Amino acid sequence: MNPDPSRLTNPPGIRVGVAPTIRVANKAIIVRDGRLLVTVNSGDFPPFYLFPGGGQDHGEDAHAALRRECREEIGCDVVVGDFAFLREYIGADHEFAEHDGPHHQLEAYFFCSLAPGAEPHFDGEGDRWQTDIRWIPLEGLADQPLWPKTLAGWLATPVADRRGYLGNVN
């Protein structure tokens, strides 16, 4: 017996009758003078930091998506450099499962620099929870509310020992 389709509900972000998808996002690692550029995010929870960047649209290449997202979140153009690593986030496996359970995201991280003459600023745009941007020191990064937490250790690892695929980490 098939359930009544009018009584079906999907998790937030999943449309009824549509198979769950994997979201692709691209993130920028921007370091200047021993500091990392991050977005500040807050709401009904303590503030935390994320790397600038976000979702890639269908038909948009990774570099174009990252440049667009950085313009939205940090208010300036970036030069996309080398690929750094790939991270997965399967929400149901982590501490925010209650809210992020249905989410599965692949994140490609790239080393970036600010475009010549560009200076980041926050103009109130950006992601839903974004409230600002900030330069935070690389020293002591593990003690900061940076997500994913794994990245503080990755950045502190000698370049030759850094992995290219971090897996499902937070």
N, C-alpha and C. Protein backbone atom coordinates (compact mmCIF):
# COMPACT_ATOMS: atom_id res chain seq x y z
N MET A 1 0.83 -1.16 0.00
CA MET A 1 0.00 0.00 0.00
C MET A 1 0.89 1.24 0.00
N ASN A 2 0.62 2.19 -0.91
CA ASN A 2 1.37 3.43 -0.99
C ASN A 2 0.79 4.46 -0.04
N PRO A 3 1.68 5.23 0.64
CA PRO A 3 1.18 6.27 1.54
C PRO A 3 0.53 7.40 0.74
N ASP A 4 -0.38 8.10 1.39
CA ASP A 4 -1.05 9.25 0.79
C ASP A 4 -0.01 10.35 0.57
N PRO A 5 0.26 10.75 -0.72
CA PRO A 5 1.30 11.74 -0.99
C PRO A 5 1.04 13.08 -0.31
N SER A 6 -0.21 13.42 -0.02
CA SER A 6 -0.49 14.71 0.63
C SER A 6 -0.03 14.71 2.08
N ARG A 7 0.25 13.54 2.64
CA ARG A 7 0.68 13.45 4.04
C ARG A 7 2.20 13.29 4.15
N LEU A 8 2.90 13.22 3.02
CA LEU A 8 4.36 13.07 3.05
C LEU A 8 5.02 14.41 3.37
N THR A 9 6.03 14.36 4.18
CA THR A 9 6.84 15.56 4.43
C THR A 9 8.30 15.16 4.28
N ASN A 10 9.07 16.03 3.72
CA ASN A 10 10.50 15.81 3.57
C ASN A 10 11.23 16.70 4.57
N PRO A 11 12.47 16.38 4.87
CA PRO A 11 13.26 17.25 5.74
C PRO A 11 13.38 18.64 5.12
N PRO A 12 13.69 19.65 5.93
CA PRO A 12 13.87 21.01 5.38
C PRO A 12 14.89 21.00 4.25
N GLY A 13 14.59 21.73 3.20
CA GLY A 13 15.51 21.83 2.07
C GLY A 13 15.34 20.74 1.03
N ILE A 14 14.52 19.73 1.31
CA ILE A 14 14.29 18.65 0.37
C ILE A 14 12.85 18.76 -0.12
N ARG A 15 12.68 18.89 -1.41
CA ARG A 15 11.33 19.01 -1.96
C ARG A 15 10.67 17.64 -2.04
N VAL A 16 9.38 17.57 -1.75
CA VAL A 16 8.63 16.32 -1.82
C VAL A 16 8.70 15.78 -3.24
N GLY A 17 8.99 14.51 -3.37
CA GLY A 17 9.04 13.87 -4.67
C GLY A 17 10.37 14.02 -5.38
N VAL A 18 11.31 14.71 -4.78
CA VAL A 18 12.61 14.92 -5.39
C VAL A 18 13.67 14.22 -4.53
N ALA A 19 14.53 13.47 -5.19
CA ALA A 19 15.59 12.77 -4.46
C ALA A 19 16.54 13.78 -3.83
N PRO A 20 17.04 13.49 -2.64
CA PRO A 20 18.04 14.37 -2.02
C PRO A 20 19.24 14.53 -2.95
N THR A 21 19.88 15.67 -2.89
CA THR A 21 21.03 15.96 -3.74
C THR A 21 22.25 16.27 -2.88
N ILE A 22 23.38 16.29 -3.53
CA ILE A 22 24.62 16.71 -2.88
C ILE A 22 24.92 18.11 -3.39
N ARG A 23 25.04 19.04 -2.48
CA ARG A 23 25.34 20.42 -2.85
C ARG A 23 26.85 20.56 -3.03
N VAL A 24 27.26 21.32 -4.03
CA VAL A 24 28.67 21.61 -4.26
C VAL A 24 28.93 23.05 -3.87
N ALA A 25 29.96 23.26 -3.08
CA ALA A 25 30.33 24.61 -2.66
C ALA A 25 31.83 24.78 -2.84
N ASN A 26 32.25 26.02 -3.00
CA ASN A 26 33.66 26.36 -3.16
C ASN A 26 34.02 27.40 -2.12
N LYS A 27 35.17 27.23 -1.47
CA LYS A 27 35.56 28.08 -0.35
C LYS A 27 36.96 28.66 -0.59
N ALA A 28 37.17 29.87 -0.09
CA ALA A 28 38.43 30.59 -0.27
C ALA A 28 39.26 30.57 1.01
N ILE A 29 40.52 30.24 0.88
CA ILE A 29 41.49 30.36 1.96
C ILE A 29 42.32 31.60 1.63
N ILE A 30 42.07 32.68 2.37
CA ILE A 30 42.75 33.95 2.12
C ILE A 30 43.55 34.31 3.36
N VAL A 31 44.87 34.32 3.22
CA VAL A 31 45.76 34.63 4.33
C VAL A 31 46.57 35.87 3.97
N ARG A 32 46.65 36.80 4.93
CA ARG A 32 47.45 38.02 4.73
C ARG A 32 48.07 38.39 6.06
N ASP A 33 49.37 38.60 6.06
CA ASP A 33 50.08 39.04 7.26
C ASP A 33 49.80 38.15 8.47
N GLY A 34 49.79 36.84 8.25
CA GLY A 34 49.58 35.90 9.36
C GLY A 34 48.16 35.83 9.87
N ARG A 35 47.21 36.36 9.09
CA ARG A 35 45.80 36.33 9.49
C ARG A 35 44.95 35.72 8.39
N LEU A 36 43.87 35.09 8.79
CA LEU A 36 42.94 34.40 7.90
C LEU A 36 41.65 35.22 7.80
N LEU A 37 41.17 35.43 6.58
CA LEU A 37 39.91 36.15 6.39
C LEU A 37 38.75 35.17 6.50
N VAL A 38 37.79 35.49 7.38
CA VAL A 38 36.63 34.63 7.61
C VAL A 38 35.35 35.46 7.61
N THR A 39 34.23 34.79 7.44
CA THR A 39 32.94 35.44 7.65
C THR A 39 32.52 35.15 9.09
N VAL A 40 31.85 36.10 9.70
CA VAL A 40 31.32 35.95 11.06
C VAL A 40 29.84 35.63 10.91
N ASN A 41 29.38 34.60 11.61
CA ASN A 41 28.00 34.15 11.50
C ASN A 41 27.41 34.01 12.89
N SER A 42 26.16 34.44 13.04
CA SER A 42 25.49 34.31 14.33
C SER A 42 23.99 34.33 14.13
N GLY A 43 23.30 34.00 15.19
CA GLY A 43 21.84 33.93 15.17
C GLY A 43 21.38 33.51 16.55
N ASP A 44 20.65 32.41 16.62
CA ASP A 44 20.22 31.85 17.91
C ASP A 44 21.29 30.92 18.46
N PHE A 45 22.54 31.27 18.27
CA PHE A 45 23.69 30.45 18.66
C PHE A 45 24.89 31.39 18.79
N PRO A 46 25.94 30.95 19.46
CA PRO A 46 27.13 31.79 19.60
C PRO A 46 27.77 32.06 18.23
N PRO A 47 28.40 33.22 18.05
CA PRO A 47 29.06 33.52 16.78
C PRO A 47 30.11 32.48 16.43
N PHE A 48 30.26 32.22 15.12
CA PHE A 48 31.28 31.30 14.63
C PHE A 48 31.79 31.81 13.30
N TYR A 49 32.94 31.26 12.86
CA TYR A 49 33.59 31.71 11.64
C TYR A 49 33.54 30.63 10.57
N LEU A 50 33.39 31.09 9.32
CA LEU A 50 33.45 30.20 8.15
C LEU A 50 34.39 30.82 7.13
N PHE A 51 34.87 29.99 6.22
CA PHE A 51 35.66 30.48 5.10
C PHE A 51 34.69 31.11 4.09
N PRO A 52 35.07 32.22 3.45
CA PRO A 52 34.19 32.81 2.45
C PRO A 52 33.96 31.83 1.29
N GLY A 53 32.79 31.91 0.71
CA GLY A 53 32.46 31.07 -0.44
C GLY A 53 31.09 30.48 -0.27
N GLY A 54 30.69 29.66 -1.22
CA GLY A 54 29.38 29.07 -1.13
C GLY A 54 29.03 28.23 -2.34
N GLY A 55 27.72 28.04 -2.51
CA GLY A 55 27.19 27.11 -3.50
C GLY A 55 27.51 27.46 -4.93
N GLN A 56 27.74 26.42 -5.69
CA GLN A 56 28.02 26.53 -7.12
C GLN A 56 26.73 26.28 -7.88
N ASP A 57 26.39 27.18 -8.80
CA ASP A 57 25.19 27.03 -9.60
C ASP A 57 25.43 26.10 -10.79
N HIS A 58 24.36 25.47 -11.25
CA HIS A 58 24.44 24.63 -12.44
C HIS A 58 24.97 25.45 -13.61
N GLY A 59 25.96 24.92 -14.32
CA GLY A 59 26.54 25.60 -15.47
C GLY A 59 27.62 26.62 -15.13
N GLU A 60 27.95 26.76 -13.86
CA GLU A 60 28.97 27.71 -13.41
C GLU A 60 30.20 26.92 -12.99
N ASP A 61 31.38 27.33 -13.47
CA ASP A 61 32.57 26.58 -13.04
C ASP A 61 32.98 27.00 -11.63
N ALA A 62 33.82 26.18 -11.01
CA ALA A 62 34.18 26.37 -9.60
C ALA A 62 34.81 27.74 -9.34
N HIS A 63 35.70 28.18 -10.21
CA HIS A 63 36.36 29.46 -10.00
C HIS A 63 35.38 30.62 -10.11
N ALA A 64 34.49 30.58 -11.11
CA ALA A 64 33.49 31.64 -11.27
C ALA A 64 32.57 31.68 -10.06
N ALA A 65 32.17 30.52 -9.57
CA ALA A 65 31.30 30.45 -8.40
C ALA A 65 31.99 31.05 -7.18
N LEU A 66 33.25 30.73 -7.00
CA LEU A 66 33.98 31.23 -5.84
C LEU A 66 34.16 32.75 -5.92
N ARG A 67 34.47 33.25 -7.10
CA ARG A 67 34.60 34.71 -7.24
C ARG A 67 33.27 35.40 -6.95
N ARG A 68 32.17 34.85 -7.47
CA ARG A 68 30.84 35.43 -7.22
C ARG A 68 30.52 35.41 -5.73
N GLU A 69 30.73 34.27 -5.08
CA GLU A 69 30.42 34.15 -3.65
C GLU A 69 31.28 35.10 -2.81
N CYS A 70 32.55 35.26 -3.17
CA CYS A 70 33.40 36.19 -2.42
C CYS A 70 32.93 37.62 -2.60
N ARG A 71 32.52 38.00 -3.79
CA ARG A 71 31.97 39.36 -3.97
C ARG A 71 30.76 39.56 -3.07
N GLU A 72 29.91 38.53 -2.95
CA GLU A 72 28.72 38.63 -2.11
C GLU A 72 29.07 38.69 -0.62
N GLU A 73 30.02 37.88 -0.18
CA GLU A 73 30.29 37.73 1.26
C GLU A 73 31.36 38.65 1.81
N ILE A 74 32.40 38.95 1.02
CA ILE A 74 33.47 39.81 1.54
C ILE A 74 33.58 41.11 0.76
N GLY A 75 32.68 41.34 -0.19
CA GLY A 75 32.57 42.62 -0.86
C GLY A 75 33.69 42.99 -1.79
N CYS A 76 34.46 42.01 -2.28
CA CYS A 76 35.52 42.34 -3.22
C CYS A 76 35.89 41.13 -4.08
N ASP A 77 36.64 41.41 -5.11
CA ASP A 77 37.09 40.36 -6.02
C ASP A 77 38.30 39.64 -5.45
N VAL A 78 38.41 38.37 -5.80
CA VAL A 78 39.56 37.56 -5.41
C VAL A 78 40.17 36.93 -6.66
N VAL A 79 41.43 36.56 -6.53
CA VAL A 79 42.12 35.79 -7.56
C VAL A 79 42.18 34.37 -7.03
N VAL A 80 41.57 33.44 -7.75
CA VAL A 80 41.54 32.05 -7.31
C VAL A 80 42.84 31.38 -7.71
N GLY A 81 43.50 30.77 -6.73
CA GLY A 81 44.77 30.09 -6.96
C GLY A 81 44.61 28.59 -6.97
N ASP A 82 45.58 27.91 -6.41
CA ASP A 82 45.63 26.45 -6.43
C ASP A 82 44.56 25.81 -5.56
N PHE A 83 44.15 24.64 -5.99
CA PHE A 83 43.24 23.80 -5.20
C PHE A 83 43.97 23.39 -3.93
N ALA A 84 43.27 23.42 -2.79
CA ALA A 84 43.87 23.05 -1.50
C ALA A 84 43.41 21.65 -1.07
N PHE A 85 42.10 21.44 -0.95
CA PHE A 85 41.59 20.14 -0.54
C PHE A 85 40.09 20.07 -0.77
N LEU A 86 39.56 18.85 -0.64
CA LEU A 86 38.13 18.60 -0.74
C LEU A 86 37.66 18.07 0.59
N ARG A 87 36.55 18.62 1.06
CA ARG A 87 35.95 18.20 2.32
C ARG A 87 34.49 17.84 2.07
N GLU A 88 34.01 16.83 2.76
CA GLU A 88 32.59 16.50 2.72
C GLU A 88 31.97 16.87 4.05
N TYR A 89 30.69 17.22 3.98
CA TYR A 89 29.93 17.46 5.19
C TYR A 89 28.61 16.71 5.04
N ILE A 90 28.46 15.67 5.82
CA ILE A 90 27.22 14.90 5.87
C ILE A 90 26.61 15.22 7.23
N GLY A 91 25.63 16.13 7.20
CA GLY A 91 25.09 16.71 8.43
C GLY A 91 24.65 15.71 9.47
N ALA A 92 24.08 14.60 9.06
CA ALA A 92 23.57 13.61 10.01
C ALA A 92 24.68 13.00 10.86
N ASP A 93 25.93 13.12 10.44
CA ASP A 93 27.05 12.50 11.15
C ASP A 93 27.73 13.43 12.16
N HIS A 94 27.24 14.66 12.30
CA HIS A 94 27.97 15.64 13.11
C HIS A 94 27.11 16.25 14.20
N GLU A 95 27.74 17.11 14.99
CA GLU A 95 27.11 17.67 16.18
C GLU A 95 25.90 18.55 15.90
N PHE A 96 25.70 18.96 14.65
CA PHE A 96 24.55 19.78 14.31
C PHE A 96 23.49 18.97 13.56
N ALA A 97 23.47 17.67 13.77
CA ALA A 97 22.57 16.77 13.05
C ALA A 97 21.10 17.16 13.21
N GLU A 98 20.74 17.68 14.36
CA GLU A 98 19.35 18.07 14.59
C GLU A 98 18.88 19.10 13.55
N HIS A 99 19.80 19.99 13.14
CA HIS A 99 19.46 21.03 12.18
C HIS A 99 19.94 20.69 10.77
N ASP A 100 21.08 20.03 10.66
CA ASP A 100 21.71 19.79 9.36
C ASP A 100 21.57 18.36 8.87
N GLY A 101 20.77 17.53 9.54
CA GLY A 101 20.66 16.12 9.21
C GLY A 101 20.53 15.78 7.74
N PRO A 102 19.67 16.46 6.98
CA PRO A 102 19.49 16.07 5.58
C PRO A 102 20.56 16.63 4.64
N HIS A 103 21.45 17.47 5.13
CA HIS A 103 22.41 18.14 4.25
C HIS A 103 23.64 17.28 3.97
N HIS A 104 24.03 17.26 2.71
CA HIS A 104 25.26 16.63 2.26
C HIS A 104 25.91 17.60 1.30
N GLN A 105 27.11 18.04 1.64
CA GLN A 105 27.79 19.05 0.83
C GLN A 105 29.22 18.64 0.57
N LEU A 106 29.67 18.83 -0.67
CA LEU A 106 31.08 18.70 -1.05
C LEU A 106 31.64 20.10 -1.12
N GLU A 107 32.75 20.35 -0.44
CA GLU A 107 33.37 21.67 -0.45
C GLU A 107 34.78 21.58 -1.00
N ALA A 108 35.03 22.32 -2.08
CA ALA A 108 36.37 22.43 -2.65
C ALA A 108 36.98 23.72 -2.13
N TYR A 109 38.12 23.63 -1.49
CA TYR A 109 38.81 24.79 -0.94
C TYR A 109 39.97 25.17 -1.86
N PHE A 110 40.10 26.46 -2.11
CA PHE A 110 41.15 26.99 -2.97
C PHE A 110 41.91 28.08 -2.23
N PHE A 111 43.23 28.13 -2.46
CA PHE A 111 44.00 29.26 -1.97
C PHE A 111 43.65 30.45 -2.86
N CYS A 112 43.36 31.58 -2.25
CA CYS A 112 42.98 32.78 -3.00
C CYS A 112 43.75 33.97 -2.46
N SER A 113 43.80 35.01 -3.27
CA SER A 113 44.35 36.29 -2.82
C SER A 113 43.35 37.36 -3.21
N LEU A 114 43.45 38.49 -2.56
CA LEU A 114 42.59 39.61 -2.91
C LEU A 114 43.04 40.15 -4.25
N ALA A 115 42.10 40.55 -5.09
CA ALA A 115 42.44 41.14 -6.38
C ALA A 115 43.22 42.43 -6.13
N PRO A 116 44.09 42.83 -7.07
CA PRO A 116 44.86 44.07 -6.87
C PRO A 116 43.95 45.25 -6.54
N GLY A 117 44.29 45.94 -5.46
CA GLY A 117 43.53 47.10 -5.02
C GLY A 117 42.28 46.78 -4.23
N ALA A 118 41.94 45.51 -4.09
CA ALA A 118 40.71 45.13 -3.39
C ALA A 118 40.94 45.10 -1.88
N GLU A 119 39.95 45.54 -1.15
CA GLU A 119 39.98 45.46 0.31
C GLU A 119 38.61 44.94 0.76
N PRO A 120 38.58 43.84 1.51
CA PRO A 120 37.29 43.27 1.90
C PRO A 120 36.50 44.18 2.83
N HIS A 121 35.19 44.10 2.69
CA HIS A 121 34.28 44.83 3.56
C HIS A 121 32.93 44.10 3.56
N PHE A 122 32.20 44.27 4.62
CA PHE A 122 30.88 43.64 4.73
C PHE A 122 29.82 44.70 4.54
N ASP A 123 28.94 44.47 3.58
CA ASP A 123 27.91 45.46 3.27
C ASP A 123 26.50 44.98 3.64
N GLY A 124 26.42 43.95 4.48
CA GLY A 124 25.12 43.46 4.91
C GLY A 124 24.57 42.35 4.04
N GLU A 125 25.24 42.06 2.92
CA GLU A 125 24.81 40.96 2.06
C GLU A 125 25.48 39.69 2.57
N GLY A 126 25.46 38.65 1.78
CA GLY A 126 26.11 37.41 2.18
C GLY A 126 25.08 36.37 2.56
N ASP A 127 25.52 35.37 3.28
CA ASP A 127 24.66 34.27 3.66
C ASP A 127 23.68 34.68 4.75
N ARG A 128 22.70 33.82 4.95
CA ARG A 128 21.60 34.07 5.89
C ARG A 128 22.07 34.48 7.28
N TRP A 129 23.07 33.80 7.80
CA TRP A 129 23.51 34.06 9.18
C TRP A 129 24.72 34.97 9.26
N GLN A 130 25.25 35.41 8.11
CA GLN A 130 26.46 36.23 8.12
C GLN A 130 26.17 37.61 8.70
N THR A 131 27.02 38.02 9.66
CA THR A 131 26.87 39.33 10.30
C THR A 131 28.08 40.23 10.11
N ASP A 132 29.20 39.69 9.62
CA ASP A 132 30.40 40.50 9.46
C ASP A 132 31.48 39.67 8.78
N ILE A 133 32.65 40.29 8.62
CA ILE A 133 33.87 39.58 8.22
C ILE A 133 34.95 39.95 9.22
N ARG A 134 36.01 39.14 9.28
CA ARG A 134 37.06 39.41 10.26
C ARG A 134 38.36 38.74 9.81
N TRP A 135 39.46 39.39 10.11
CA TRP A 135 40.79 38.79 9.96
C TRP A 135 41.15 38.20 11.32
N ILE A 136 41.40 36.89 11.39
CA ILE A 136 41.77 36.26 12.65
C ILE A 136 43.18 35.70 12.54
N PRO A 137 43.95 35.77 13.62
CA PRO A 137 45.34 35.29 13.57
C PRO A 137 45.42 33.78 13.32
N LEU A 138 46.39 33.38 12.52
CA LEU A 138 46.62 31.95 12.31
C LEU A 138 47.11 31.29 13.59
N GLU A 139 47.89 32.04 14.36
CA GLU A 139 48.36 31.52 15.64
C GLU A 139 47.17 31.41 16.58
N GLY A 140 46.97 30.25 17.15
CA GLY A 140 45.85 30.02 18.05
C GLY A 140 44.54 29.74 17.34
N LEU A 141 44.61 29.42 16.06
CA LEU A 141 43.40 29.18 15.26
C LEU A 141 42.54 28.05 15.83
N ALA A 142 43.18 27.05 16.41
CA ALA A 142 42.44 25.91 16.97
C ALA A 142 41.53 26.33 18.13
N ASP A 143 41.82 27.48 18.73
CA ASP A 143 41.01 27.96 19.85
C ASP A 143 39.86 28.86 19.41
N GLN A 144 39.77 29.13 18.12
CA GLN A 144 38.73 30.00 17.58
C GLN A 144 37.49 29.18 17.19
N PRO A 145 36.32 29.80 17.14
CA PRO A 145 35.11 29.08 16.71
C PRO A 145 35.03 28.99 15.19
N LEU A 146 36.04 28.35 14.59
CA LEU A 146 36.15 28.20 13.14
C LEU A 146 35.59 26.85 12.73
N TRP A 147 34.74 26.85 11.70
CA TRP A 147 34.18 25.61 11.18
C TRP A 147 34.57 25.45 9.73
N PRO A 148 34.96 24.28 9.32
CA PRO A 148 35.11 23.10 10.15
C PRO A 148 36.37 23.18 11.01
N LYS A 149 36.27 22.66 12.21
CA LYS A 149 37.37 22.69 13.17
C LYS A 149 38.63 22.03 12.62
N THR A 150 38.48 21.01 11.82
CA THR A 150 39.60 20.26 11.26
C THR A 150 40.57 21.16 10.50
N LEU A 151 40.08 22.26 9.96
CA LEU A 151 40.91 23.08 9.09
C LEU A 151 42.01 23.83 9.83
N ALA A 152 41.80 24.09 11.11
CA ALA A 152 42.86 24.73 11.89
C ALA A 152 44.10 23.83 11.91
N GLY A 153 43.90 22.54 12.13
CA GLY A 153 45.02 21.60 12.12
C GLY A 153 45.62 21.43 10.73
N TRP A 154 44.77 21.42 9.71
CA TRP A 154 45.25 21.26 8.34
C TRP A 154 46.16 22.43 7.97
N LEU A 155 45.75 23.65 8.31
CA LEU A 155 46.56 24.83 7.99
C LEU A 155 47.89 24.83 8.74
N ALA A 156 47.93 24.22 9.92
CA ALA A 156 49.16 24.16 10.71
C ALA A 156 50.08 23.02 10.28
N THR A 157 49.60 22.13 9.43
CA THR A 157 50.38 20.98 8.96
C THR A 157 51.37 21.43 7.88
N PRO A 158 52.60 20.91 7.90
CA PRO A 158 53.53 21.25 6.82
C PRO A 158 52.91 20.94 5.44
N VAL A 159 53.16 21.79 4.48
CA VAL A 159 52.54 21.68 3.16
C VAL A 159 52.72 20.28 2.56
N ALA A 160 53.89 19.70 2.68
CA ALA A 160 54.15 18.38 2.08
C ALA A 160 53.31 17.27 2.72
N ASP A 161 52.82 17.49 3.92
CA ASP A 161 52.05 16.47 4.64
C ASP A 161 50.55 16.69 4.60
N ARG A 162 50.10 17.74 3.94
CA ARG A 162 48.66 18.03 3.88
C ARG A 162 47.95 17.06 2.93
N ARG A 163 46.81 16.55 3.39
CA ARG A 163 46.01 15.66 2.56
C ARG A 163 45.13 16.47 1.62
N GLY A 164 44.80 15.91 0.46
CA GLY A 164 43.95 16.58 -0.52
C GLY A 164 42.48 16.26 -0.35
N TYR A 165 42.18 15.13 0.31
CA TYR A 165 40.80 14.78 0.58
C TYR A 165 40.67 14.56 2.09
N LEU A 166 39.86 15.39 2.74
CA LEU A 166 39.75 15.30 4.20
C LEU A 166 38.63 14.39 4.65
N GLY A 167 37.70 14.05 3.74
CA GLY A 167 36.60 13.18 4.11
C GLY A 167 35.48 13.94 4.77
N ASN A 168 34.64 13.21 5.49
CA ASN A 168 33.45 13.74 6.15
C ASN A 168 33.86 14.24 7.52
N VAL A 169 34.36 15.48 7.56
CA VAL A 169 34.89 16.04 8.81
C VAL A 169 34.19 17.34 9.14
N ASN A 170 34.29 17.69 10.41
CA ASN A 170 33.75 18.96 10.86
C ASN A 170 34.67 19.61 11.88
